[in-house]
Amino acid sequence: MKLQRKELMAIQGGTSISASLISAIIDGLEFIYGLGQSVGSAIARAFRKTYC
């Protein structure tokens, strides 16, 4: 069976967000948040001069 051009143009793919993509996005956001916490606390310690 050979599809006609109109039929080929009507085919829609099943694009969806997979669980692994969501997990990777969440891991990336957690990494950025943790990095911000570390940098922020390092700056705060530098201004307070409490390095221990």
PDB file of N, CA and C in Angstrom:
ATOM      1  N   MET A   1       0.846  -1.168   0.000  1.00  0.00           N
ATOM      2  CA  MET A   1       0.000   0.000   0.000  1.00  0.00           C
ATOM      3  C   MET A   1       0.895   1.236   0.000  1.00  0.00           C
ATOM      4  N   LYS A   2       0.650   2.131  -0.897  1.00  0.00           N
ATOM      5  CA  LYS A   2       1.426   3.346  -1.014  1.00  0.00           C
ATOM      6  C   LYS A   2       0.557   4.529  -0.607  1.00  0.00           C
ATOM      7  N   LEU A   3       1.088   5.372   0.303  1.00  0.00           N
ATOM      8  CA  LEU A   3       0.327   6.532   0.765  1.00  0.00           C
ATOM      9  C   LEU A   3       0.453   7.677  -0.224  1.00  0.00           C
ATOM     10  N   GLN A   4      -0.624   8.399  -0.343  1.00  0.00           N
ATOM     11  CA  GLN A   4      -0.624   9.586  -1.189  1.00  0.00           C
ATOM     12  C   GLN A   4       0.000  10.756  -0.427  1.00  0.00           C
ATOM     13  N   ARG A   5       0.365  11.799  -1.153  1.00  0.00           N
ATOM     14  CA  ARG A   5       1.020  12.962  -0.542  1.00  0.00           C
ATOM     15  C   ARG A   5       0.142  13.598   0.543  1.00  0.00           C
ATOM     16  N   LYS A   6      -1.159  13.713   0.288  1.00  0.00           N
ATOM     17  CA  LYS A   6      -2.067  14.304   1.280  1.00  0.00           C
ATOM     18  C   LYS A   6      -2.069  13.481   2.567  1.00  0.00           C
ATOM     19  N   GLU A   7      -2.058  12.171   2.413  1.00  0.00           N
ATOM     20  CA  GLU A   7      -2.062  11.299   3.580  1.00  0.00           C
ATOM     21  C   GLU A   7      -0.757  11.410   4.357  1.00  0.00           C
ATOM     22  N   LEU A   8       0.349  11.545   3.651  1.00  0.00           N
ATOM     23  CA  LEU A   8       1.641  11.694   4.317  1.00  0.00           C
ATOM     24  C   LEU A   8       1.721  13.010   5.090  1.00  0.00           C
ATOM     25  N   MET A   9       1.140  14.060   4.542  1.00  0.00           N
ATOM     26  CA  MET A   9       1.170  15.362   5.206  1.00  0.00           C
ATOM     27  C   MET A   9       0.275  15.378   6.450  1.00  0.00           C
ATOM     28  N   ALA A  10      -0.717  14.506   6.493  1.00  0.00           N
ATOM     29  CA  ALA A  10      -1.654  14.471   7.618  1.00  0.00           C
ATOM     30  C   ALA A  10      -1.113  13.681   8.807  1.00  0.00           C
ATOM     31  N   ILE A  11      -0.045  12.942   8.628  1.00  0.00           N
ATOM     32  CA  ILE A  11       0.504  12.137   9.717  1.00  0.00           C
ATOM     33  C   ILE A  11       1.152  13.049  10.753  1.00  0.00           C
ATOM     34  N   GLN A  12       0.776  12.853  11.998  1.00  0.00           N
ATOM     35  CA  GLN A  12       1.347  13.631  13.089  1.00  0.00           C
ATOM     36  C   GLN A  12       2.109  12.684  14.004  1.00  0.00           C
ATOM     37  N   GLY A  13       3.306  13.116  14.395  1.00  0.00           N
ATOM     38  CA  GLY A  13       4.119  12.301  15.282  1.00  0.00           C
ATOM     39  C   GLY A  13       3.700  12.457  16.731  1.00  0.00           C
ATOM     40  N   GLY A  14       4.086  11.519  17.532  1.00  0.00           N
ATOM     41  CA  GLY A  14       3.755  11.553  18.950  1.00  0.00           C
ATOM     42  C   GLY A  14       4.878  12.148  19.768  1.00  0.00           C
ATOM     43  N   THR A  15       4.967  13.448  19.754  1.00  0.00           N
ATOM     44  CA  THR A  15       6.002  14.098  20.556  1.00  0.00           C
ATOM     45  C   THR A  15       5.484  14.287  21.974  1.00  0.00           C
ATOM     46  N   SER A  16       6.247  13.841  22.914  1.00  0.00           N
ATOM     47  CA  SER A  16       5.876  14.000  24.317  1.00  0.00           C
ATOM     48  C   SER A  16       7.142  14.126  25.148  1.00  0.00           C
ATOM     49  N   ILE A  17       6.980  14.622  26.327  1.00  0.00           N
ATOM     50  CA  ILE A  17       8.115  14.780  27.238  1.00  0.00           C
ATOM     51  C   ILE A  17       8.266  13.477  28.013  1.00  0.00           C
ATOM     52  N   SER A  18       9.434  12.880  27.914  1.00  0.00           N
ATOM     53  CA  SER A  18       9.653  11.610  28.593  1.00  0.00           C
ATOM     54  C   SER A  18      10.060  11.837  30.049  1.00  0.00           C
ATOM     55  N   ALA A  19       9.974  10.817  30.835  1.00  0.00           N
ATOM     56  CA  ALA A  19      10.327  10.893  32.244  1.00  0.00           C
ATOM     57  C   ALA A  19      11.805  11.189  32.420  1.00  0.00           C
ATOM     58  N   SER A  20      12.642  10.657  31.539  1.00  0.00           N
ATOM     59  CA  SER A  20      14.077  10.909  31.674  1.00  0.00           C
ATOM     60  C   SER A  20      14.406  12.376  31.377  1.00  0.00           C
ATOM     61  N   LEU A  21      13.682  12.997  30.453  1.00  0.00           N
ATOM     62  CA  LEU A  21      13.896  14.421  30.173  1.00  0.00           C
ATOM     63  C   LEU A  21      13.478  15.277  31.362  1.00  0.00           C
ATOM     64  N   ILE A  22      12.355  14.960  31.964  1.00  0.00           N
ATOM     65  CA  ILE A  22      11.901  15.696  33.149  1.00  0.00           C
ATOM     66  C   ILE A  22      12.901  15.533  34.279  1.00  0.00           C
ATOM     67  N   SER A  23      13.399  14.334  34.479  1.00  0.00           N
ATOM     68  CA  SER A  23      14.381  14.070  35.525  1.00  0.00           C
ATOM     69  C   SER A  23      15.666  14.861  35.287  1.00  0.00           C
ATOM     70  N   ALA A  24      16.111  14.917  34.040  1.00  0.00           N
ATOM     71  CA  ALA A  24      17.326  15.668  33.718  1.00  0.00           C
ATOM     72  C   ALA A  24      17.132  17.157  33.958  1.00  0.00           C
ATOM     73  N   ILE A  25      15.975  17.681  33.621  1.00  0.00           N
ATOM     74  CA  ILE A  25      15.695  19.105  33.847  1.00  0.00           C
ATOM     75  C   ILE A  25      15.676  19.411  35.335  1.00  0.00           C
ATOM     76  N   ILE A  26      15.044  18.561  36.117  1.00  0.00           N
ATOM     77  CA  ILE A  26      14.980  18.769  37.569  1.00  0.00           C
ATOM     78  C   ILE A  26      16.374  18.680  38.183  1.00  0.00           C
ATOM     79  N   ASP A  27      17.174  17.709  37.745  1.00  0.00           N
ATOM     80  CA  ASP A  27      18.544  17.585  38.248  1.00  0.00           C
ATOM     81  C   ASP A  27      19.358  18.826  37.912  1.00  0.00           C
ATOM     82  N   GLY A  28      19.190  19.370  36.718  1.00  0.00           N
ATOM     83  CA  GLY A  28      19.892  20.588  36.332  1.00  0.00           C
ATOM     84  C   GLY A  28      19.489  21.775  37.190  1.00  0.00           C
ATOM     85  N   LEU A  29      18.187  21.905  37.451  1.00  0.00           N
ATOM     86  CA  LEU A  29      17.716  23.008  38.293  1.00  0.00           C
ATOM     87  C   LEU A  29      18.217  22.865  39.728  1.00  0.00           C
ATOM     88  N   GLU A  30      18.228  21.643  40.243  1.00  0.00           N
ATOM     89  CA  GLU A  30      18.759  21.420  41.599  1.00  0.00           C
ATOM     90  C   GLU A  30      20.247  21.751  41.660  1.00  0.00           C
ATOM     91  N   PHE A  31      20.983  21.439  40.612  1.00  0.00           N
ATOM     92  CA  PHE A  31      22.409  21.751  40.567  1.00  0.00           C
ATOM     93  C   PHE A  31      22.622  23.261  40.588  1.00  0.00           C
ATOM     94  N   ILE A  32      21.876  23.985  39.778  1.00  0.00           N
ATOM     95  CA  ILE A  32      22.006  25.441  39.730  1.00  0.00           C
ATOM     96  C   ILE A  32      21.624  26.059  41.068  1.00  0.00           C
ATOM     97  N   TYR A  33      20.577  25.545  41.699  1.00  0.00           N
ATOM     98  CA  TYR A  33      20.150  26.052  43.002  1.00  0.00           C
ATOM     99  C   TYR A  33      21.231  25.807  44.059  1.00  0.00           C
ATOM    100  N   GLY A  34      21.789  24.608  44.085  1.00  0.00           N
ATOM    101  CA  GLY A  34      22.854  24.282  45.036  1.00  0.00           C
ATOM    102  C   GLY A  34      24.099  25.117  44.798  1.00  0.00           C
ATOM    103  N   LEU A  35      24.414  25.355  43.540  1.00  0.00           N
ATOM    104  CA  LEU A  35      25.560  26.204  43.211  1.00  0.00           C
ATOM    105  C   LEU A  35      25.334  27.619  43.721  1.00  0.00           C
ATOM    106  N   GLY A  36      24.129  28.129  43.555  1.00  0.00           N
ATOM    107  CA  GLY A  36      23.788  29.462  44.062  1.00  0.00           C
ATOM    108  C   GLY A  36      23.888  29.528  45.574  1.00  0.00           C
ATOM    109  N   GLN A  37      23.450  28.481  46.252  1.00  0.00           N
ATOM    110  CA  GLN A  37      23.565  28.445  47.711  1.00  0.00           C
ATOM    111  C   GLN A  37      25.026  28.464  48.143  1.00  0.00           C
ATOM    112  N   SER A  38      25.849  27.694  47.491  1.00  0.00           N
ATOM    113  CA  SER A  38      27.266  27.626  47.849  1.00  0.00           C
ATOM    114  C   SER A  38      27.967  28.960  47.621  1.00  0.00           C
ATOM    115  N   VAL A  39      27.717  29.547  46.469  1.00  0.00           N
ATOM    116  CA  VAL A  39      28.354  30.834  46.159  1.00  0.00           C
ATOM    117  C   VAL A  39      27.846  31.913  47.103  1.00  0.00           C
ATOM    118  N   GLY A  40      26.557  31.912  47.378  1.00  0.00           N
ATOM    119  CA  GLY A  40      25.978  32.897  48.292  1.00  0.00           C
ATOM    120  C   GLY A  40      26.532  32.777  49.697  1.00  0.00           C
ATOM    121  N   SER A  41      26.661  31.558  50.203  1.00  0.00           N
ATOM    122  CA  SER A  41      27.192  31.394  51.556  1.00  0.00           C
ATOM    123  C   SER A  41      28.685  31.735  51.599  1.00  0.00           C
ATOM    124  N   ALA A  42      29.410  31.466  50.516  1.00  0.00           N
ATOM    125  CA  ALA A  42      30.832  31.840  50.477  1.00  0.00           C
ATOM    126  C   ALA A  42      30.987  33.355  50.496  1.00  0.00           C
ATOM    127  N   ILE A  43      30.149  34.050  49.777  1.00  0.00           N
ATOM    128  CA  ILE A  43      30.202  35.520  49.776  1.00  0.00           C
ATOM    129  C   ILE A  43      29.822  36.058  51.145  1.00  0.00           C
ATOM    130  N   ALA A  44      28.800  35.481  51.766  1.00  0.00           N
ATOM    131  CA  ALA A  44      28.384  35.924  53.101  1.00  0.00           C
ATOM    132  C   ALA A  44      29.494  35.694  54.119  1.00  0.00           C
ATOM    133  N   ARG A  45      30.160  34.538  54.049  1.00  0.00           N
ATOM    134  CA  ARG A  45      31.263  34.276  54.981  1.00  0.00           C
ATOM    135  C   ARG A  45      32.417  35.248  54.752  1.00  0.00           C
ATOM    136  N   ALA A  46      32.659  35.604  53.525  1.00  0.00           N
ATOM    137  CA  ALA A  46      33.748  36.543  53.225  1.00  0.00           C
ATOM    138  C   ALA A  46      33.458  37.914  53.805  1.00  0.00           C
ATOM    139  N   PHE A  47      32.217  38.379  53.730  1.00  0.00           N
ATOM    140  CA  PHE A  47      31.872  39.685  54.269  1.00  0.00           C
ATOM    141  C   PHE A  47      31.822  39.686  55.795  1.00  0.00           C
ATOM    142  N   ARG A  48      31.420  38.556  56.387  1.00  0.00           N
ATOM    143  CA  ARG A  48      31.379  38.463  57.851  1.00  0.00           C
ATOM    144  C   ARG A  48      32.709  38.085  58.446  1.00  0.00           C
ATOM    145  N   LYS A  49      33.618  37.666  57.581  1.00  0.00           N
ATOM    146  CA  LYS A  49      34.965  37.235  57.983  1.00  0.00           C
ATOM    147  C   LYS A  49      34.896  36.055  58.954  1.00  0.00           C
ATOM    148  N   THR A  50      33.988  35.154  58.719  1.00  0.00           N
ATOM    149  CA  THR A  50      33.892  33.908  59.503  1.00  0.00           C
ATOM    150  C   THR A  50      34.182  32.758  58.536  1.00  0.00           C
ATOM    151  N   TYR A  51      35.419  32.325  58.532  1.00  0.00           N
ATOM    152  CA  TYR A  51      35.824  31.316  57.568  1.00  0.00           C
ATOM    153  C   TYR A  51      35.732  29.898  58.113  1.00  0.00           C
ATOM    154  N   CYS A  52      35.565  29.720  59.401  1.00  0.00           N
ATOM    155  CA  CYS A  52      35.471  28.390  59.984  1.00  0.00           C
ATOM    156  C   CYS A  52      34.092  27.838  59.919  1.00  0.00           C
TER     157      CYS A  52
END
